[in-house]
Amino acid sequence: MSSSDPRSRAPGTRTRRHDPDRRDRIIDACLEVIAEHGLAGTSHRRVAAAADVPLGSMTYHFAGMDELLREAFTRFADSVAQKAERRMAGADHRDGALAEFGRNIDEDVFGTQRELILTLELYTLAARRPEFRDITTAWMARTRATLEPFVDERTAQLLDAMNEGLTIHRALHADPSAEGLAADALTRIARGSGGVGAPGE
């Protein structure tokens, strides 16, 4: 009987499952655990259970929780930045760009409670631990880059800061934001700046 024949294995041994997507699944599961339990409630054991992998897989694929958090929040920030980039890609003048950026805030950033919680958990982590700020810095830079073809650099920073502020406001306020608040704020800031992007100005 060949040694590769399953019948030749010792009783009680298990065949190792081929699972090439395991690392990616752990990263996604980490985000779901953070969204449900917060950073304080996120552990290797909970993430392994959510990903349906052995606990040992956590240390096999990641040097520690910090590496896993970095991978998870980088993936999250990248997904949110891509949404903004897709919305802004079709804008060809300032008014259209501001409208699309407002929709990004209202429909993407505020789209689900999960997105809101993950955003705030990342803010808190980066505020407490500077070594994670490269994630938020890169995320904000990509957001500003979508605006800079239509407004000056300073205005892009102000618009992005308003975006971040509305996110926090949304999380802390008992009532939903007034309808059109993001669009109104974007227009007022851009108008006051005398921004560029002539067509539609």
N, C-alpha and C. Protein backbone atom coordinates (compact mmCIF):
# COMPACT_ATOMS: atom_id res chain seq x y z
N MET A 1 0.85 -1.20 0.00
CA MET A 1 0.00 0.00 0.00
C MET A 1 0.88 1.25 0.00
N SER A 2 0.57 2.19 -0.87
CA SER A 2 1.38 3.40 -0.98
C SER A 2 1.22 4.25 0.28
N SER A 3 2.34 4.94 0.64
CA SER A 3 2.27 5.84 1.80
C SER A 3 1.36 7.02 1.56
N SER A 4 1.06 7.30 0.28
CA SER A 4 0.15 8.41 -0.04
C SER A 4 -1.31 7.99 0.05
N ASP A 5 -1.55 6.69 0.17
CA ASP A 5 -2.91 6.19 0.28
C ASP A 5 -3.48 6.58 1.64
N PRO A 6 -4.66 7.24 1.67
CA PRO A 6 -5.24 7.66 2.95
C PRO A 6 -5.36 6.52 3.94
N ARG A 7 -5.51 5.25 3.46
CA ARG A 7 -5.69 4.12 4.36
C ARG A 7 -4.43 3.79 5.14
N SER A 8 -3.27 4.32 4.65
CA SER A 8 -2.00 4.01 5.30
C SER A 8 -1.70 4.93 6.47
N ARG A 9 -2.52 5.98 6.69
CA ARG A 9 -2.26 6.91 7.77
C ARG A 9 -2.64 6.30 9.11
N ALA A 10 -1.92 6.73 10.13
CA ALA A 10 -2.21 6.23 11.47
C ALA A 10 -3.60 6.65 11.90
N PRO A 11 -4.28 5.83 12.67
CA PRO A 11 -5.61 6.19 13.16
C PRO A 11 -5.57 7.50 13.93
N GLY A 12 -6.57 8.32 13.71
CA GLY A 12 -6.67 9.57 14.46
C GLY A 12 -5.99 10.75 13.80
N THR A 13 -5.17 10.51 12.76
CA THR A 13 -4.53 11.64 12.08
C THR A 13 -5.52 12.28 11.13
N ARG A 14 -5.37 13.60 10.92
CA ARG A 14 -6.29 14.34 10.06
C ARG A 14 -5.56 14.83 8.83
N THR A 15 -6.24 14.80 7.70
CA THR A 15 -5.67 15.33 6.48
C THR A 15 -5.65 16.85 6.55
N ARG A 16 -4.54 17.46 6.25
CA ARG A 16 -4.44 18.92 6.26
C ARG A 16 -5.25 19.48 5.11
N ARG A 17 -6.18 20.35 5.43
CA ARG A 17 -7.05 20.92 4.41
C ARG A 17 -6.30 21.95 3.59
N HIS A 18 -6.46 21.86 2.26
CA HIS A 18 -5.85 22.87 1.39
C HIS A 18 -6.70 24.13 1.48
N ASP A 19 -6.12 25.18 1.96
CA ASP A 19 -6.89 26.39 2.26
C ASP A 19 -6.07 27.63 1.89
N PRO A 20 -5.88 27.88 0.59
CA PRO A 20 -5.00 28.98 0.18
C PRO A 20 -5.53 30.36 0.55
N ASP A 21 -6.83 30.48 0.84
CA ASP A 21 -7.42 31.78 1.15
C ASP A 21 -7.50 32.03 2.65
N ARG A 22 -6.86 31.18 3.44
CA ARG A 22 -7.03 31.26 4.89
C ARG A 22 -6.57 32.61 5.43
N ARG A 23 -5.42 33.10 4.98
CA ARG A 23 -4.91 34.36 5.51
C ARG A 23 -5.87 35.52 5.23
N ASP A 24 -6.38 35.57 4.00
CA ASP A 24 -7.34 36.61 3.65
C ASP A 24 -8.60 36.49 4.49
N ARG A 25 -9.04 35.27 4.73
CA ARG A 25 -10.26 35.07 5.52
C ARG A 25 -10.06 35.54 6.95
N ILE A 26 -8.88 35.33 7.48
CA ILE A 26 -8.59 35.79 8.85
C ILE A 26 -8.64 37.32 8.91
N ILE A 27 -8.08 37.98 7.89
CA ILE A 27 -8.10 39.45 7.87
C ILE A 27 -9.53 39.97 7.82
N ASP A 28 -10.36 39.38 6.95
CA ASP A 28 -11.76 39.80 6.88
C ASP A 28 -12.49 39.52 8.18
N ALA A 29 -12.22 38.37 8.77
CA ALA A 29 -12.87 38.02 10.04
C ALA A 29 -12.47 38.98 11.14
N CYS A 30 -11.22 39.44 11.12
CA CYS A 30 -10.76 40.39 12.12
C CYS A 30 -11.60 41.67 12.06
N LEU A 31 -11.88 42.15 10.87
CA LEU A 31 -12.71 43.36 10.74
C LEU A 31 -14.12 43.12 11.28
N GLU A 32 -14.67 41.94 11.03
CA GLU A 32 -16.01 41.66 11.53
C GLU A 32 -16.01 41.58 13.06
N VAL A 33 -14.98 41.01 13.64
CA VAL A 33 -14.89 40.93 15.10
C VAL A 33 -14.75 42.33 15.70
N ILE A 34 -13.93 43.17 15.08
CA ILE A 34 -13.78 44.55 15.57
C ILE A 34 -15.11 45.28 15.49
N ALA A 35 -15.83 45.11 14.39
CA ALA A 35 -17.11 45.79 14.23
C ALA A 35 -18.12 45.34 15.28
N GLU A 36 -18.04 44.07 15.67
CA GLU A 36 -19.00 43.54 16.65
C GLU A 36 -18.58 43.77 18.09
N HIS A 37 -17.28 43.60 18.37
CA HIS A 37 -16.82 43.62 19.76
C HIS A 37 -15.91 44.79 20.10
N GLY A 38 -15.49 45.57 19.10
CA GLY A 38 -14.55 46.65 19.34
C GLY A 38 -13.14 46.12 19.46
N LEU A 39 -12.17 47.03 19.39
CA LEU A 39 -10.77 46.61 19.52
C LEU A 39 -10.51 45.93 20.85
N ALA A 40 -11.11 46.44 21.92
CA ALA A 40 -10.87 45.88 23.24
C ALA A 40 -11.34 44.43 23.33
N GLY A 41 -12.34 44.07 22.55
CA GLY A 41 -12.88 42.72 22.60
C GLY A 41 -12.36 41.81 21.51
N THR A 42 -11.37 42.27 20.77
CA THR A 42 -10.82 41.47 19.67
C THR A 42 -9.63 40.65 20.16
N SER A 43 -9.71 39.35 19.96
CA SER A 43 -8.65 38.44 20.40
C SER A 43 -8.36 37.43 19.30
N HIS A 44 -7.21 36.78 19.42
CA HIS A 44 -6.88 35.72 18.48
C HIS A 44 -7.97 34.66 18.46
N ARG A 45 -8.47 34.30 19.62
CA ARG A 45 -9.47 33.23 19.70
C ARG A 45 -10.76 33.62 18.99
N ARG A 46 -11.21 34.85 19.21
CA ARG A 46 -12.45 35.29 18.56
C ARG A 46 -12.29 35.38 17.04
N VAL A 47 -11.17 35.88 16.60
CA VAL A 47 -10.94 36.00 15.16
C VAL A 47 -10.84 34.62 14.53
N ALA A 48 -10.14 33.70 15.17
CA ALA A 48 -10.02 32.34 14.64
C ALA A 48 -11.39 31.69 14.52
N ALA A 49 -12.24 31.88 15.53
CA ALA A 49 -13.58 31.30 15.49
C ALA A 49 -14.40 31.91 14.36
N ALA A 50 -14.29 33.23 14.19
CA ALA A 50 -15.05 33.90 13.13
C ALA A 50 -14.58 33.49 11.75
N ALA A 51 -13.28 33.22 11.62
CA ALA A 51 -12.73 32.80 10.33
C ALA A 51 -12.85 31.30 10.10
N ASP A 52 -13.26 30.57 11.14
CA ASP A 52 -13.37 29.11 11.08
C ASP A 52 -12.03 28.48 10.74
N VAL A 53 -11.01 28.87 11.51
CA VAL A 53 -9.67 28.30 11.33
C VAL A 53 -9.15 27.87 12.70
N PRO A 54 -8.19 26.96 12.73
CA PRO A 54 -7.58 26.59 14.02
C PRO A 54 -6.89 27.79 14.65
N LEU A 55 -6.88 27.81 15.97
CA LEU A 55 -6.26 28.92 16.68
C LEU A 55 -4.79 29.07 16.30
N GLY A 56 -4.13 27.96 16.02
CA GLY A 56 -2.72 28.01 15.63
C GLY A 56 -2.46 28.74 14.34
N SER A 57 -3.50 28.87 13.50
CA SER A 57 -3.33 29.60 12.23
C SER A 57 -3.02 31.07 12.46
N MET A 58 -3.45 31.59 13.60
CA MET A 58 -3.24 33.00 13.86
C MET A 58 -1.75 33.31 13.96
N THR A 59 -1.03 32.51 14.73
CA THR A 59 0.41 32.77 14.88
C THR A 59 1.21 32.28 13.68
N TYR A 60 0.63 31.38 12.90
CA TYR A 60 1.31 30.91 11.69
C TYR A 60 1.33 32.01 10.64
N HIS A 61 0.21 32.72 10.48
CA HIS A 61 0.08 33.73 9.43
C HIS A 61 0.47 35.14 9.87
N PHE A 62 0.44 35.41 11.17
CA PHE A 62 0.70 36.76 11.66
C PHE A 62 1.63 36.70 12.87
N ALA A 63 2.59 37.60 12.90
CA ALA A 63 3.56 37.61 13.99
C ALA A 63 2.91 37.95 15.33
N GLY A 64 1.81 38.64 15.28
CA GLY A 64 1.09 39.02 16.51
C GLY A 64 -0.15 39.80 16.14
N MET A 65 -0.89 40.24 17.16
CA MET A 65 -2.12 40.98 16.91
C MET A 65 -1.87 42.30 16.19
N ASP A 66 -0.75 42.95 16.47
CA ASP A 66 -0.46 44.22 15.80
C ASP A 66 -0.37 44.04 14.28
N GLU A 67 0.28 42.98 13.84
CA GLU A 67 0.38 42.74 12.40
C GLU A 67 -0.99 42.48 11.80
N LEU A 68 -1.82 41.71 12.50
CA LEU A 68 -3.17 41.43 12.01
C LEU A 68 -4.00 42.71 11.94
N LEU A 69 -3.93 43.54 12.98
CA LEU A 69 -4.68 44.80 12.97
C LEU A 69 -4.22 45.71 11.84
N ARG A 70 -2.91 45.74 11.61
CA ARG A 70 -2.39 46.57 10.52
C ARG A 70 -2.93 46.10 9.17
N GLU A 71 -2.91 44.80 8.95
CA GLU A 71 -3.41 44.25 7.69
C GLU A 71 -4.91 44.51 7.54
N ALA A 72 -5.65 44.32 8.63
CA ALA A 72 -7.10 44.48 8.58
C ALA A 72 -7.49 45.93 8.33
N PHE A 73 -6.91 46.86 9.08
CA PHE A 73 -7.28 48.26 8.90
C PHE A 73 -6.74 48.84 7.59
N THR A 74 -5.62 48.34 7.11
CA THR A 74 -5.15 48.78 5.79
C THR A 74 -6.13 48.34 4.72
N ARG A 75 -6.63 47.13 4.83
CA ARG A 75 -7.63 46.64 3.87
C ARG A 75 -8.90 47.47 3.95
N PHE A 76 -9.34 47.78 5.17
CA PHE A 76 -10.55 48.58 5.33
C PHE A 76 -10.36 49.97 4.75
N ALA A 77 -9.26 50.64 5.10
CA ALA A 77 -9.02 52.00 4.59
C ALA A 77 -8.92 52.01 3.08
N ASP A 78 -8.29 51.00 2.51
CA ASP A 78 -8.17 50.91 1.06
C ASP A 78 -9.54 50.77 0.41
N SER A 79 -10.41 49.97 1.00
CA SER A 79 -11.74 49.77 0.41
C SER A 79 -12.56 51.05 0.45
N VAL A 80 -12.43 51.82 1.54
CA VAL A 80 -13.18 53.08 1.66
C VAL A 80 -12.61 54.13 0.70
N ALA A 81 -11.29 54.19 0.59
CA ALA A 81 -10.66 55.13 -0.33
C ALA A 81 -11.05 54.83 -1.78
N GLN A 82 -11.14 53.56 -2.12
CA GLN A 82 -11.52 53.18 -3.48
C GLN A 82 -12.93 53.65 -3.81
N LYS A 83 -13.83 53.61 -2.84
CA LYS A 83 -15.19 54.08 -3.07
C LYS A 83 -15.19 55.56 -3.45
N ALA A 84 -14.42 56.35 -2.71
CA ALA A 84 -14.33 57.79 -3.01
C ALA A 84 -13.72 58.01 -4.39
N GLU A 85 -12.68 57.26 -4.70
CA GLU A 85 -12.01 57.41 -6.00
C GLU A 85 -12.94 57.05 -7.15
N ARG A 86 -13.73 56.00 -6.97
CA ARG A 86 -14.67 55.61 -8.04
C ARG A 86 -15.73 56.69 -8.24
N ARG A 87 -16.24 57.24 -7.14
CA ARG A 87 -17.27 58.27 -7.27
C ARG A 87 -16.72 59.52 -7.96
N MET A 88 -15.50 59.90 -7.62
CA MET A 88 -14.93 61.14 -8.14
C MET A 88 -14.37 61.00 -9.55
N ALA A 89 -14.19 59.77 -10.00
CA ALA A 89 -13.53 59.54 -11.29
C ALA A 89 -14.28 60.18 -12.46
N GLY A 90 -15.61 60.24 -12.36
CA GLY A 90 -16.39 60.76 -13.47
C GLY A 90 -16.63 62.26 -13.43
N ALA A 91 -16.19 62.94 -12.36
CA ALA A 91 -16.43 64.38 -12.22
C ALA A 91 -15.51 65.16 -13.16
N ASP A 92 -16.08 66.18 -13.84
CA ASP A 92 -15.25 66.97 -14.75
C ASP A 92 -15.29 68.46 -14.42
N HIS A 93 -15.96 68.83 -13.32
CA HIS A 93 -15.93 70.22 -12.86
C HIS A 93 -16.21 70.25 -11.36
N ARG A 94 -15.98 71.40 -10.76
CA ARG A 94 -16.02 71.48 -9.30
C ARG A 94 -17.37 71.13 -8.73
N ASP A 95 -18.44 71.66 -9.30
CA ASP A 95 -19.77 71.39 -8.75
C ASP A 95 -20.08 69.89 -8.77
N GLY A 96 -19.73 69.25 -9.88
CA GLY A 96 -19.95 67.81 -9.97
C GLY A 96 -19.11 67.04 -8.97
N ALA A 97 -17.87 67.48 -8.79
CA ALA A 97 -16.98 66.82 -7.84
C ALA A 97 -17.51 66.96 -6.41
N LEU A 98 -17.98 68.15 -6.06
CA LEU A 98 -18.52 68.35 -4.72
C LEU A 98 -19.77 67.51 -4.50
N ALA A 99 -20.60 67.39 -5.53
CA ALA A 99 -21.81 66.57 -5.41
C ALA A 99 -21.44 65.11 -5.18
N GLU A 100 -20.45 64.62 -5.93
CA GLU A 100 -20.03 63.23 -5.77
C GLU A 100 -19.38 63.01 -4.40
N PHE A 101 -18.62 63.98 -3.94
CA PHE A 101 -17.97 63.83 -2.63
C PHE A 101 -19.03 63.82 -1.52
N GLY A 102 -20.07 64.63 -1.70
CA GLY A 102 -21.17 64.62 -0.73
C GLY A 102 -21.88 63.27 -0.71
N ARG A 103 -22.08 62.69 -1.89
CA ARG A 103 -22.71 61.36 -1.95
C ARG A 103 -21.82 60.31 -1.29
N ASN A 104 -20.52 60.47 -1.47
CA ASN A 104 -19.60 59.54 -0.82
C ASN A 104 -19.76 59.58 0.69
N ILE A 105 -19.90 60.78 1.24
CA ILE A 105 -20.08 60.92 2.69
C ILE A 105 -21.41 60.32 3.12
N ASP A 106 -22.49 60.71 2.45
CA ASP A 106 -23.83 60.30 2.86
C ASP A 106 -24.10 58.82 2.62
N GLU A 107 -23.62 58.30 1.50
CA GLU A 107 -24.00 56.94 1.11
C GLU A 107 -22.93 55.89 1.37
N ASP A 108 -21.67 56.31 1.39
CA ASP A 108 -20.59 55.33 1.59
C ASP A 108 -20.05 55.38 3.02
N VAL A 109 -19.59 56.56 3.43
CA VAL A 109 -19.05 56.69 4.79
C VAL A 109 -20.14 56.42 5.82
N PHE A 110 -21.34 56.95 5.58
CA PHE A 110 -22.45 56.74 6.50
C PHE A 110 -23.34 55.58 6.07
N GLY A 111 -22.86 54.78 5.14
CA GLY A 111 -23.70 53.74 4.56
C GLY A 111 -24.21 52.71 5.54
N THR A 112 -23.33 52.23 6.41
CA THR A 112 -23.72 51.20 7.37
C THR A 112 -23.10 51.51 8.73
N GLN A 113 -23.71 50.95 9.76
CA GLN A 113 -23.16 51.11 11.11
C GLN A 113 -21.79 50.43 11.20
N ARG A 114 -21.60 49.34 10.47
CA ARG A 114 -20.32 48.64 10.46
C ARG A 114 -19.20 49.57 9.99
N GLU A 115 -19.43 50.28 8.87
CA GLU A 115 -18.40 51.17 8.34
C GLU A 115 -18.08 52.27 9.34
N LEU A 116 -19.12 52.79 9.96
CA LEU A 116 -18.93 53.88 10.92
C LEU A 116 -18.10 53.41 12.12
N ILE A 117 -18.44 52.24 12.65
CA ILE A 117 -17.71 51.73 13.81
C ILE A 117 -16.26 51.44 13.47
N LEU A 118 -16.02 50.81 12.33
CA LEU A 118 -14.65 50.49 11.95
C LEU A 118 -13.82 51.76 11.76
N THR A 119 -14.44 52.79 11.19
CA THR A 119 -13.74 54.06 11.01
C THR A 119 -13.32 54.63 12.36
N LEU A 120 -14.24 54.65 13.31
CA LEU A 120 -13.94 55.22 14.62
C LEU A 120 -12.95 54.37 15.40
N GLU A 121 -13.01 53.07 15.23
CA GLU A 121 -12.03 52.20 15.90
C GLU A 121 -10.63 52.47 15.34
N LEU A 122 -10.53 52.69 14.04
CA LEU A 122 -9.23 53.02 13.44
C LEU A 122 -8.75 54.38 13.93
N TYR A 123 -9.64 55.37 14.00
CA TYR A 123 -9.27 56.68 14.53
C TYR A 123 -8.68 56.54 15.94
N THR A 124 -9.36 55.77 16.78
CA THR A 124 -8.93 55.62 18.17
C THR A 124 -7.57 54.93 18.24
N LEU A 125 -7.40 53.88 17.45
CA LEU A 125 -6.12 53.18 17.44
C LEU A 125 -4.99 54.10 17.01
N ALA A 126 -5.22 54.86 15.93
CA ALA A 126 -4.18 55.76 15.43
C ALA A 126 -3.91 56.90 16.41
N ALA A 127 -4.94 57.35 17.11
CA ALA A 127 -4.75 58.41 18.10
C ALA A 127 -3.92 57.93 19.28
N ARG A 128 -4.14 56.71 19.69
CA ARG A 128 -3.41 56.16 20.84
C ARG A 128 -2.01 55.70 20.46
N ARG A 129 -1.87 55.19 19.23
CA ARG A 129 -0.62 54.55 18.85
C ARG A 129 -0.12 55.12 17.53
N PRO A 130 0.85 56.02 17.59
CA PRO A 130 1.33 56.71 16.39
C PRO A 130 1.82 55.78 15.28
N GLU A 131 2.25 54.58 15.63
CA GLU A 131 2.76 53.68 14.60
C GLU A 131 1.69 53.22 13.62
N PHE A 132 0.41 53.46 13.95
CA PHE A 132 -0.67 53.11 13.04
C PHE A 132 -1.14 54.31 12.21
N ARG A 133 -0.53 55.47 12.42
CA ARG A 133 -1.02 56.67 11.73
C ARG A 133 -0.66 56.70 10.25
N ASP A 134 0.28 55.86 9.83
CA ASP A 134 0.56 55.82 8.40
C ASP A 134 -0.65 55.33 7.63
N ILE A 135 -1.50 54.50 8.27
CA ILE A 135 -2.72 54.02 7.60
C ILE A 135 -3.68 55.18 7.39
N THR A 136 -3.94 55.95 8.45
CA THR A 136 -4.88 57.06 8.32
C THR A 136 -4.30 58.18 7.46
N THR A 137 -2.99 58.39 7.54
CA THR A 137 -2.36 59.43 6.72
C THR A 137 -2.49 59.10 5.24
N ALA A 138 -2.22 57.86 4.87
CA ALA A 138 -2.35 57.45 3.47
C ALA A 138 -3.80 57.53 3.01
N TRP A 139 -4.73 57.18 3.89
CA TRP A 139 -6.16 57.23 3.55
C TRP A 139 -6.58 58.68 3.29
N MET A 140 -6.20 59.59 4.17
CA MET A 140 -6.57 61.00 3.98
C MET A 140 -5.91 61.59 2.73
N ALA A 141 -4.68 61.17 2.44
CA ALA A 141 -4.00 61.67 1.25
C ALA A 141 -4.74 61.25 -0.02
N ARG A 142 -5.23 60.02 -0.04
CA ARG A 142 -5.98 59.56 -1.21
C ARG A 142 -7.30 60.31 -1.35
N THR A 143 -7.94 60.60 -0.23
CA THR A 143 -9.19 61.37 -0.28
C THR A 143 -8.93 62.77 -0.82
N ARG A 144 -7.90 63.43 -0.30
CA ARG A 144 -7.58 64.78 -0.77
C ARG A 144 -7.20 64.78 -2.25
N ALA A 145 -6.54 63.72 -2.69
CA ALA A 145 -6.12 63.65 -4.09
C ALA A 145 -7.31 63.64 -5.05
N THR A 146 -8.44 63.12 -4.59
CA THR A 146 -9.63 63.13 -5.46
C THR A 146 -10.21 64.53 -5.60
N LEU A 147 -9.92 65.39 -4.62
CA LEU A 147 -10.47 66.75 -4.62
C LEU A 147 -9.55 67.77 -5.28
N GLU A 148 -8.25 67.52 -5.24
CA GLU A 148 -7.29 68.53 -5.65
C GLU A 148 -7.36 68.93 -7.13
N PRO A 149 -7.90 68.11 -8.05
CA PRO A 149 -8.08 68.63 -9.41
C PRO A 149 -9.14 69.74 -9.50
N PHE A 150 -9.96 69.89 -8.44
CA PHE A 150 -11.09 70.81 -8.51
C PHE A 150 -11.00 71.99 -7.54
N VAL A 151 -10.20 71.84 -6.48
CA VAL A 151 -10.03 72.91 -5.50
C VAL A 151 -8.55 73.01 -5.15
N ASP A 152 -8.16 74.10 -4.51
CA ASP A 152 -6.76 74.23 -4.11
C ASP A 152 -6.45 73.27 -2.96
N GLU A 153 -5.17 73.08 -2.71
CA GLU A 153 -4.73 72.08 -1.73
C GLU A 153 -5.29 72.36 -0.33
N ARG A 154 -5.31 73.62 0.06
CA ARG A 154 -5.81 73.98 1.38
C ARG A 154 -7.29 73.64 1.51
N THR A 155 -8.05 73.94 0.48
CA THR A 155 -9.47 73.64 0.51
C THR A 155 -9.71 72.14 0.56
N ALA A 156 -8.89 71.38 -0.16
CA ALA A 156 -9.01 69.92 -0.12
C ALA A 156 -8.80 69.40 1.30
N GLN A 157 -7.84 70.00 2.02
CA GLN A 157 -7.61 69.61 3.41
C GLN A 157 -8.83 69.94 4.28
N LEU A 158 -9.41 71.11 4.05
CA LEU A 158 -10.58 71.52 4.83
C LEU A 158 -11.78 70.61 4.55
N LEU A 159 -11.98 70.28 3.30
CA LEU A 159 -13.10 69.42 2.93
C LEU A 159 -12.93 68.03 3.53
N ASP A 160 -11.70 67.53 3.49
CA ASP A 160 -11.45 66.22 4.07
C ASP A 160 -11.63 66.24 5.58
N ALA A 161 -11.17 67.33 6.22
CA ALA A 161 -11.35 67.46 7.67
C ALA A 161 -12.83 67.53 8.03
N MET A 162 -13.62 68.20 7.20
CA MET A 162 -15.06 68.26 7.42
C MET A 162 -15.66 66.86 7.31
N ASN A 163 -15.17 66.09 6.35
CA ASN A 163 -15.61 64.71 6.19
C ASN A 163 -15.35 63.91 7.46
N GLU A 164 -14.12 64.03 8.00
CA GLU A 164 -13.77 63.31 9.22
C GLU A 164 -14.64 63.79 10.39
N GLY A 165 -14.85 65.11 10.47
CA GLY A 165 -15.64 65.66 11.56
C GLY A 165 -17.08 65.20 11.53
N LEU A 166 -17.67 65.15 10.34
CA LEU A 166 -19.05 64.68 10.23
C LEU A 166 -19.17 63.22 10.63
N THR A 167 -18.13 62.44 10.35
CA THR A 167 -18.14 61.04 10.75
C THR A 167 -18.24 60.92 12.27
N ILE A 168 -17.42 61.69 12.97
CA ILE A 168 -17.45 61.67 14.43
C ILE A 168 -18.79 62.20 14.94
N HIS A 169 -19.27 63.27 14.33
CA HIS A 169 -20.56 63.87 14.73
C HIS A 169 -21.67 62.84 14.57
N ARG A 170 -21.65 62.11 13.47
CA ARG A 170 -22.68 61.11 13.22
C ARG A 170 -22.67 60.03 14.31
N ALA A 171 -21.48 59.64 14.73
CA ALA A 171 -21.36 58.57 15.72
C ALA A 171 -21.80 59.02 17.11
N LEU A 172 -21.61 60.31 17.43
CA LEU A 172 -21.86 60.79 18.77
C LEU A 172 -23.25 61.37 18.98
N HIS A 173 -23.92 61.75 17.90
CA HIS A 173 -25.21 62.43 18.02
C HIS A 173 -26.35 61.41 18.05
N ALA A 174 -27.33 61.66 18.91
CA ALA A 174 -28.45 60.73 19.05
C ALA A 174 -29.34 60.72 17.83
N ASP A 175 -29.43 61.86 17.14
CA ASP A 175 -30.30 61.97 15.97
C ASP A 175 -29.49 61.94 14.69
N PRO A 176 -30.06 61.45 13.59
CA PRO A 176 -29.35 61.45 12.31
C PRO A 176 -29.02 62.87 11.88
N SER A 177 -27.95 63.00 11.10
CA SER A 177 -27.59 64.32 10.57
C SER A 177 -28.71 64.84 9.69
N ALA A 178 -28.89 66.16 9.68
CA ALA A 178 -29.91 66.77 8.83
C ALA A 178 -29.64 66.43 7.37
N GLU A 179 -30.69 66.19 6.63
CA GLU A 179 -30.56 65.84 5.23
C GLU A 179 -29.84 66.97 4.47
N GLY A 180 -28.87 66.61 3.66
CA GLY A 180 -28.14 67.59 2.86
C GLY A 180 -27.06 68.33 3.61
N LEU A 181 -26.80 67.95 4.87
CA LEU A 181 -25.80 68.68 5.66
C LEU A 181 -24.41 68.60 5.03
N ALA A 182 -24.02 67.42 4.58
CA ALA A 182 -22.69 67.26 3.98
C ALA A 182 -22.56 68.11 2.72
N ALA A 183 -23.57 68.06 1.85
CA ALA A 183 -23.52 68.83 0.61
C ALA A 183 -23.47 70.32 0.89
N ASP A 184 -24.23 70.77 1.89
CA ASP A 184 -24.23 72.19 2.24
C ASP A 184 -22.86 72.62 2.76
N ALA A 185 -22.27 71.79 3.62
CA ALA A 185 -20.96 72.13 4.18
C ALA A 185 -19.90 72.17 3.09
N LEU A 186 -19.92 71.21 2.20
CA LEU A 186 -18.95 71.17 1.11
C LEU A 186 -19.04 72.42 0.25
N THR A 187 -20.27 72.81 -0.10
CA THR A 187 -20.46 73.98 -0.95
C THR A 187 -19.98 75.25 -0.25
N ARG A 188 -20.30 75.41 1.02
CA ARG A 188 -19.92 76.61 1.76
C ARG A 188 -18.40 76.73 1.87
N ILE A 189 -17.74 75.62 2.19
CA ILE A 189 -16.28 75.67 2.32
C ILE A 189 -15.63 75.99 0.98
N ALA A 190 -16.08 75.30 -0.07
CA ALA A 190 -15.48 75.51 -1.41
C ALA A 190 -15.75 76.92 -1.91
N ARG A 191 -16.95 77.42 -1.67
CA ARG A 191 -17.28 78.78 -2.13
C ARG A 191 -16.41 79.82 -1.44
N GLY A 192 -16.19 79.64 -0.15
CA GLY A 192 -15.38 80.57 0.61
C GLY A 192 -13.92 80.55 0.22
N SER A 193 -13.49 79.42 -0.39
CA SER A 193 -12.09 79.31 -0.75
C SER A 193 -11.75 79.94 -2.08
N GLY A 194 -12.80 80.16 -2.90
CA GLY A 194 -12.53 80.61 -4.28
C GLY A 194 -11.77 79.54 -5.04
N GLY A 195 -12.17 78.28 -4.84
CA GLY A 195 -11.45 77.15 -5.41
C GLY A 195 -11.36 77.15 -6.90
N VAL A 196 -10.53 76.29 -7.45
CA VAL A 196 -10.30 76.21 -8.88
C VAL A 196 -11.19 75.16 -9.49
N GLY A 197 -11.07 74.98 -10.78
CA GLY A 197 -11.84 73.97 -11.48
C GLY A 197 -12.93 74.62 -12.29
N ALA A 198 -12.59 75.55 -13.13
CA ALA A 198 -13.46 76.54 -13.72
C ALA A 198 -14.80 76.07 -14.24
N PRO A 199 -14.91 75.01 -15.06
CA PRO A 199 -16.22 74.67 -15.58
C PRO A 199 -17.17 74.36 -14.44
N GLY A 200 -18.31 75.00 -14.43
CA GLY A 200 -19.30 74.76 -13.40
C GLY A 200 -19.08 75.54 -12.13
N GLU A 201 -18.07 76.36 -12.11
CA GLU A 201 -17.75 77.11 -10.90
C GLU A 201 -18.75 78.23 -10.68
